[in-house]
């Protein structure tokens, strides 16, 4: 009863769709819970227990902070070498130049080329969106498949993770008078209870560039987890006044930070971002999840091209890709 692959509701008569939608969502949620407790996640937890990663001090600090507050902040330079940043920096510049050239063409009526945007989130340009064909040499995918990143995800999630989503985002400034919408509003990601995202800032992000915001302790098990608790398929936005009522004014963490900063975060907790008022926000993002999510709630937004040979990759990396 996979959420994405089950489209029978749309084919039903309009008069019975509301009731069918409710039952469909309940069925997907039940399927997810079975995969989490009995089916898909059992093996990944066993692989983790049999091959626990050996972490260095930086990785242990990140996992400890994730456990304590749902997020951790570091930098690309702390995790990787200078040479790897030079490769990523060139990739960053190319994405920004291509995106801004496309936006400029749109503004002059010449078309926007191959800019990827979705209805309802036109403020966000994506590098890949869905159906991307990548190689393991892609700079951001290569970083996300490194044991530096995967071992953090594995230790935090207590299982061998799957790499479910990867992309580069360019948030277009919307102006001071615009209203927040879509992911600019407080929400929880419904993909998985066992979820870890990383956001690599590819531009300097201040208050005018739509910084990522997070309510520490709102992740499952935290003191604010009961503010519209996480549920599989739990859609909808959380009103800001609800958070202001339930949490102290200074509880929200706002991530204004320079280029190269990396935010690790459990986004099944309450978060929002991308409300760029006068400056663009550019970042790279990755999602690590459990096998239960891929079995019932989500699909990958990428695939490896035919030239990518995974036979020489270590077992944790191959598992993340399969």
Protein backbone atom coordinates (compact mmCIF):
# COMPACT_ATOMS: atom_id res chain seq x y z
CA UNK A 1 0.00 0.00 0.00
CA UNK A 2 2.80 2.36 -0.97
CA UNK A 3 1.69 6.00 -0.80
CA UNK A 4 3.32 7.04 -4.08
CA UNK A 5 2.48 4.01 -6.18
CA UNK A 6 -1.14 3.66 -5.05
CA UNK A 7 -3.20 6.06 -7.17
CA UNK A 8 -6.57 4.37 -6.96
CA UNK A 9 -8.14 7.23 -4.97
CA UNK A 10 -7.76 9.63 -7.91
CA UNK A 11 -9.63 7.19 -10.16
CA UNK A 12 -12.67 6.95 -7.89
CA UNK A 13 -15.86 9.01 -8.28
CA UNK A 14 -15.54 12.43 -6.63
CA UNK A 15 -18.35 11.71 -4.13
CA UNK A 16 -16.45 8.89 -2.42
CA UNK A 17 -12.91 10.23 -2.66
CA UNK A 18 -12.88 11.93 0.78
CA UNK A 19 -13.78 8.70 2.62
CA UNK A 20 -11.44 6.65 0.42
CA UNK A 21 -8.60 9.09 1.09
CA UNK A 22 -9.01 8.61 4.85
CA UNK A 23 -8.88 4.82 4.55
CA UNK A 24 -5.97 5.00 2.13
CA UNK A 25 -3.94 7.14 4.53
CA UNK A 26 -4.71 4.78 7.41
CA UNK A 27 -3.60 1.84 5.29
CA UNK A 28 -0.29 3.47 4.38
CA UNK A 29 0.36 4.40 8.02
CA UNK A 30 -0.34 0.82 9.11
CA UNK A 31 1.97 -0.52 6.40
CA UNK A 32 4.74 1.80 7.57
CA UNK A 33 4.40 0.66 11.19
CA UNK A 34 4.61 -2.98 10.16
CA UNK A 35 7.74 -2.33 8.11
CA UNK A 36 9.26 -0.40 11.02
CA UNK A 37 8.60 -3.00 13.71
CA UNK A 38 8.54 -6.32 11.83
CA UNK A 39 9.71 -6.24 8.23
CA UNK A 40 12.12 -3.79 6.58
CA UNK A 41 13.88 -2.26 9.58
CA UNK A 42 14.68 -5.51 11.39
CA UNK A 43 17.57 -6.33 9.06
CA UNK A 44 18.96 -2.80 9.04
CA UNK A 45 18.98 -2.73 12.84
CA UNK A 46 20.73 -6.11 12.89
CA UNK A 47 23.38 -4.88 10.44
CA UNK A 48 23.99 -1.86 12.64
CA UNK A 49 24.32 -3.98 15.78
CA UNK A 50 26.75 -6.32 14.05
CA UNK A 51 28.86 -3.54 12.50
CA UNK A 52 28.66 -0.46 14.70
CA UNK A 53 30.69 2.41 13.24
CA UNK A 54 33.84 3.70 14.89
CA UNK A 55 33.35 7.46 15.32
CA UNK A 56 35.94 10.17 15.84
CA UNK A 57 35.45 13.02 18.33
CA UNK A 58 33.65 15.27 15.84
CA UNK A 59 31.23 12.55 14.76
CA UNK A 60 30.52 11.60 18.39
CA UNK A 61 29.83 15.25 19.24
CA UNK A 62 27.36 15.53 16.36
CA UNK A 63 25.50 12.35 17.35
CA UNK A 64 25.37 13.42 21.02
CA UNK A 65 23.89 16.80 20.11
CA UNK A 66 21.38 15.17 17.78
CA UNK A 67 20.30 12.88 20.61
CA UNK A 68 20.03 15.78 23.06
CA UNK A 69 18.38 18.47 20.95
CA UNK A 70 17.55 17.12 17.51
CA UNK A 71 20.20 19.11 15.65
CA UNK A 72 23.95 19.66 15.42
CA UNK A 73 26.00 22.28 13.60
CA UNK A 74 29.40 21.78 11.97
CA UNK A 75 31.08 22.76 8.70
CA UNK A 76 32.17 21.07 5.50
CA UNK A 77 35.76 21.99 6.35
CA UNK A 78 35.58 20.13 9.66
CA UNK A 79 34.24 16.95 8.09
CA UNK A 80 36.15 16.91 4.81
CA UNK A 81 39.47 17.92 3.27
CA UNK A 82 40.32 21.23 1.64
CA UNK A 83 40.47 19.53 -1.76
CA UNK A 84 36.97 18.15 -1.35
CA UNK A 85 35.68 21.63 -0.53
CA UNK A 86 37.35 23.04 -3.67
CA UNK A 87 35.42 20.50 -5.75
CA UNK A 88 32.18 21.28 -3.92
CA UNK A 89 32.80 25.02 -4.24
CA UNK A 90 33.11 24.76 -8.02
CA UNK A 91 29.88 22.74 -8.08
CA UNK A 92 28.18 25.37 -5.89
CA UNK A 93 29.23 28.23 -8.16
CA UNK A 94 28.04 26.42 -11.28
CA UNK A 95 24.58 25.79 -9.77
CA UNK A 96 24.20 29.42 -8.69
CA UNK A 97 25.31 30.75 -12.09
CA UNK A 98 23.00 28.40 -14.01
CA UNK A 99 20.03 29.20 -11.77
CA UNK A 100 20.52 32.97 -11.86
CA UNK A 101 20.97 32.88 -15.65
CA UNK A 102 17.67 30.99 -15.94
CA UNK A 103 15.88 33.42 -13.62
CA UNK A 104 17.27 36.35 -15.60
CA UNK A 105 15.97 34.81 -18.84
CA UNK A 106 12.55 34.39 -17.25
CA UNK A 107 12.51 38.01 -16.16
CA UNK A 108 13.21 39.21 -19.70
CA UNK A 109 10.64 36.89 -21.25
CA UNK A 110 13.20 34.60 -22.85
CA UNK A 111 12.17 31.50 -20.87
CA UNK A 112 13.79 29.88 -17.86
CA UNK A 113 15.54 26.97 -19.50
CA UNK A 114 15.42 23.81 -17.41
CA UNK A 115 14.70 25.34 -14.01
CA UNK A 116 12.98 22.78 -11.74
CA UNK A 117 10.11 24.21 -9.72
CA UNK A 118 6.91 22.71 -8.30
CA UNK A 119 3.42 24.14 -8.20
CA UNK A 120 2.85 25.79 -4.83
CA UNK A 121 6.58 26.14 -4.18
CA UNK A 122 7.60 28.38 -7.06
CA UNK A 123 9.95 30.22 -4.73
CA UNK A 124 12.28 27.18 -4.73
CA UNK A 125 14.49 26.16 -7.67
CA UNK A 126 15.84 22.61 -7.44
CA UNK A 127 18.93 21.25 -9.16
CA UNK A 128 17.57 17.70 -9.55
CA UNK A 129 13.97 17.54 -8.30
CA UNK A 130 12.78 14.01 -9.21
CA UNK A 131 14.18 11.42 -11.60
CA UNK A 132 17.75 12.70 -11.42
CA UNK A 133 20.40 10.45 -12.93
CA UNK A 134 23.63 10.75 -10.95
CA UNK A 135 27.00 9.09 -10.74
CA UNK A 136 28.83 8.26 -7.52
CA UNK A 137 31.33 10.94 -8.61
CA UNK A 138 28.74 13.70 -8.22
CA UNK A 139 30.38 15.99 -5.62
CA UNK A 140 27.45 16.24 -3.23
CA UNK A 141 26.36 12.61 -3.59
CA UNK A 142 29.96 11.52 -3.06
CA UNK A 143 30.13 13.51 0.19
CA UNK A 144 26.79 12.13 1.38
CA UNK A 145 27.91 8.55 0.67
CA UNK A 146 31.17 9.00 2.56
CA UNK A 147 31.57 7.14 5.83
CA UNK A 148 32.05 10.55 7.45
CA UNK A 149 28.35 11.23 6.82
CA UNK A 150 26.88 7.72 6.70
CA UNK A 151 28.40 6.70 10.04
CA UNK A 152 26.82 9.73 11.71
CA UNK A 153 23.44 8.78 10.25
CA UNK A 154 23.87 5.13 11.21
CA UNK A 155 24.84 5.84 14.81
CA UNK A 156 22.08 8.40 15.30
CA UNK A 157 19.34 6.28 13.72
CA UNK A 158 20.68 3.03 15.24
CA UNK A 159 20.37 1.24 11.90
CA UNK A 160 21.98 1.14 8.47
CA UNK A 161 20.32 4.06 6.66
CA UNK A 162 19.03 4.52 3.16
CA UNK A 163 19.93 7.65 1.20
CA UNK A 164 16.46 8.69 0.06
CA UNK A 165 16.75 12.25 -1.26
CA UNK A 166 19.49 14.53 -2.51
CA UNK A 167 19.32 17.95 -4.15
CA UNK A 168 20.54 21.53 -4.35
CA UNK A 169 18.04 24.31 -3.59
CA UNK A 170 17.95 27.98 -4.52
CA UNK A 171 15.31 29.95 -2.57
CA UNK A 172 14.24 33.01 -4.55
CA UNK A 173 13.72 36.25 -2.57
CA UNK A 174 9.99 36.92 -2.26
CA UNK A 175 10.01 40.43 -0.81
CA UNK A 176 9.32 41.89 2.63
CA UNK A 177 5.53 41.91 2.21
CA UNK A 178 5.12 38.27 1.14
CA UNK A 179 3.31 35.72 3.28
CA UNK A 180 4.86 32.42 4.30
CA UNK A 181 3.58 29.33 2.50
CA UNK A 182 4.33 25.64 2.05
CA UNK A 183 7.62 24.64 3.74
CA UNK A 184 8.16 28.23 4.89
CA UNK A 185 5.55 27.42 7.57
CA UNK A 186 6.13 25.25 10.64
CA UNK A 187 5.74 21.57 9.86
CA UNK A 188 7.02 18.06 10.48
CA UNK A 189 8.33 15.80 7.72
CA UNK A 190 6.01 12.79 7.64
CA UNK A 191 8.44 10.59 5.66
CA UNK A 192 9.83 8.60 8.56
CA UNK A 193 10.15 8.60 12.33
CA UNK A 194 13.80 7.60 11.83
CA UNK A 195 14.95 10.58 9.81
CA UNK A 196 18.12 12.60 9.51
CA UNK A 197 18.71 15.46 7.10
CA UNK A 198 21.82 17.50 6.45
CA UNK A 199 21.76 21.00 4.99
CA UNK A 200 24.98 22.41 3.58
CA UNK A 201 24.77 26.18 3.14
CA UNK A 202 26.10 27.13 -0.30
CA UNK A 203 25.68 30.85 0.38
CA UNK A 204 25.99 33.08 3.42
CA UNK A 205 22.62 32.96 5.17
CA UNK A 206 21.45 35.85 7.35
CA UNK A 207 17.99 36.86 8.58
CA UNK A 208 17.02 38.21 5.12
CA UNK A 209 17.93 34.97 3.31
CA UNK A 210 15.37 32.63 4.87
CA UNK A 211 17.48 30.76 7.43
CA UNK A 212 16.51 27.28 8.56
CA UNK A 213 14.62 27.33 11.88
CA UNK A 214 14.07 24.44 14.28
CA UNK A 215 12.39 23.83 17.62
CA UNK A 216 14.88 21.72 19.59
CA UNK A 217 13.17 18.99 21.55
CA UNK A 218 10.25 18.69 19.13
CA UNK A 219 11.67 15.50 17.61
CA UNK A 220 10.06 12.20 18.76
CA UNK A 221 10.97 11.65 22.40
CA UNK A 222 11.72 15.33 23.06
CA UNK A 223 9.90 17.65 25.50
CA UNK A 224 7.96 19.33 22.68
CA UNK A 225 7.16 16.15 20.74
CA UNK A 226 3.48 16.41 21.73
CA UNK A 227 2.95 19.64 19.75
CA UNK A 228 0.95 18.05 16.91
CA UNK A 229 2.80 14.73 17.41
CA UNK A 230 4.54 13.02 14.51
CA UNK A 231 2.54 10.40 12.64
CA UNK A 232 3.24 8.62 9.36
CA UNK A 233 1.34 10.51 6.65
CA UNK A 234 0.78 13.33 9.14
CA UNK A 235 0.22 16.27 6.81
CA UNK A 236 -0.56 19.89 7.50
CA UNK A 237 1.15 22.91 8.94
CA UNK A 238 1.46 23.90 12.59
CA UNK A 239 0.27 27.42 13.48
CA UNK A 240 3.00 29.66 14.82
CA UNK A 241 0.85 30.75 17.75
CA UNK A 242 0.65 27.11 18.90
CA UNK A 243 4.44 26.97 19.13
CA UNK A 244 4.59 30.36 20.84
CA UNK A 245 2.07 29.13 23.41
CA UNK A 246 3.80 25.82 24.11
CA UNK A 247 7.50 26.78 23.95
CA UNK A 248 9.52 29.69 25.39
CA UNK A 249 10.18 32.59 23.01
CA UNK A 250 13.90 31.84 22.91
CA UNK A 251 13.45 28.09 22.32
CA UNK A 252 13.53 28.29 18.51
CA UNK A 253 16.99 27.92 16.97
CA UNK A 254 17.60 30.10 13.88
CA UNK A 255 20.54 29.01 11.75
CA UNK A 256 22.14 32.13 10.34
CA UNK A 257 25.56 30.91 9.25
CA UNK A 258 28.26 31.31 6.58
CA UNK A 259 28.82 29.35 3.39
CA UNK A 260 30.10 25.85 4.16
CA UNK A 261 28.07 25.37 7.35
CA UNK A 262 26.34 21.99 7.76
CA UNK A 263 23.20 21.52 9.84
CA UNK A 264 22.33 17.95 10.81
CA UNK A 265 18.72 17.76 11.91
CA UNK A 266 15.92 15.31 12.67
CA UNK A 267 13.18 16.96 10.59
CA UNK A 268 10.42 14.82 12.00
CA UNK A 269 10.75 17.63 14.55
CA UNK A 270 9.16 21.03 13.95
CA UNK A 271 11.00 23.21 11.45
CA UNK A 272 10.63 25.74 8.64
CA UNK A 273 12.87 27.70 6.29
CA UNK A 274 13.44 29.27 2.89
CA UNK A 275 11.46 32.46 3.55
CA UNK A 276 14.06 34.53 1.71
CA UNK A 277 12.93 38.15 1.82
CA UNK A 278 15.70 40.05 0.04
CA UNK A 279 18.58 37.61 -0.48
CA UNK A 280 18.65 34.12 -2.00
CA UNK A 281 19.35 31.11 0.18
CA UNK A 282 21.34 28.39 -1.56
CA UNK A 283 21.97 25.00 0.01
CA UNK A 284 22.57 21.31 -0.65
CA UNK A 285 20.42 18.81 1.20
CA UNK A 286 20.33 15.08 1.81
CA UNK A 287 17.85 12.80 3.59
CA UNK A 288 18.81 9.58 5.35
CA UNK A 289 15.89 7.38 6.36
CA UNK A 290 15.06 3.84 7.40
CA UNK A 291 14.11 1.05 4.95
CA UNK A 292 10.55 1.26 6.31
CA UNK A 293 10.16 4.67 4.73
CA UNK A 294 11.21 3.48 1.27
CA UNK A 295 8.94 0.45 1.67
CA UNK A 296 5.79 2.43 2.42
CA UNK A 297 6.06 6.24 2.46
CA UNK A 298 8.63 7.55 0.00
CA UNK A 299 10.60 6.93 -3.17
CA UNK A 300 14.09 8.11 -4.08
CA UNK A 301 14.35 11.24 -6.19
CA UNK A 302 17.46 9.95 -7.99
CA UNK A 303 18.97 6.89 -9.63
CA UNK A 304 22.53 5.96 -10.53
CA UNK A 305 23.46 6.08 -14.19
CA UNK A 306 24.64 3.01 -16.06
CA UNK A 307 28.32 3.92 -15.70
CA UNK A 308 28.27 3.82 -11.90
CA UNK A 309 29.92 0.63 -10.68
CA UNK A 310 28.94 0.00 -7.06
CA UNK A 311 30.69 -3.37 -6.71
CA UNK A 312 33.81 -1.79 -5.20
CA UNK A 313 31.88 0.27 -2.64
CA UNK A 314 31.78 -0.92 0.93
CA UNK A 315 28.69 -2.64 2.29
CA UNK A 316 27.26 0.38 4.18
CA UNK A 317 27.45 2.55 1.06
CA UNK A 318 25.89 -0.11 -1.17
CA UNK A 319 23.09 -0.59 1.35
CA UNK A 320 22.40 3.15 1.39
CA UNK A 321 22.01 3.16 -2.40
CA UNK A 322 19.89 0.03 -2.81
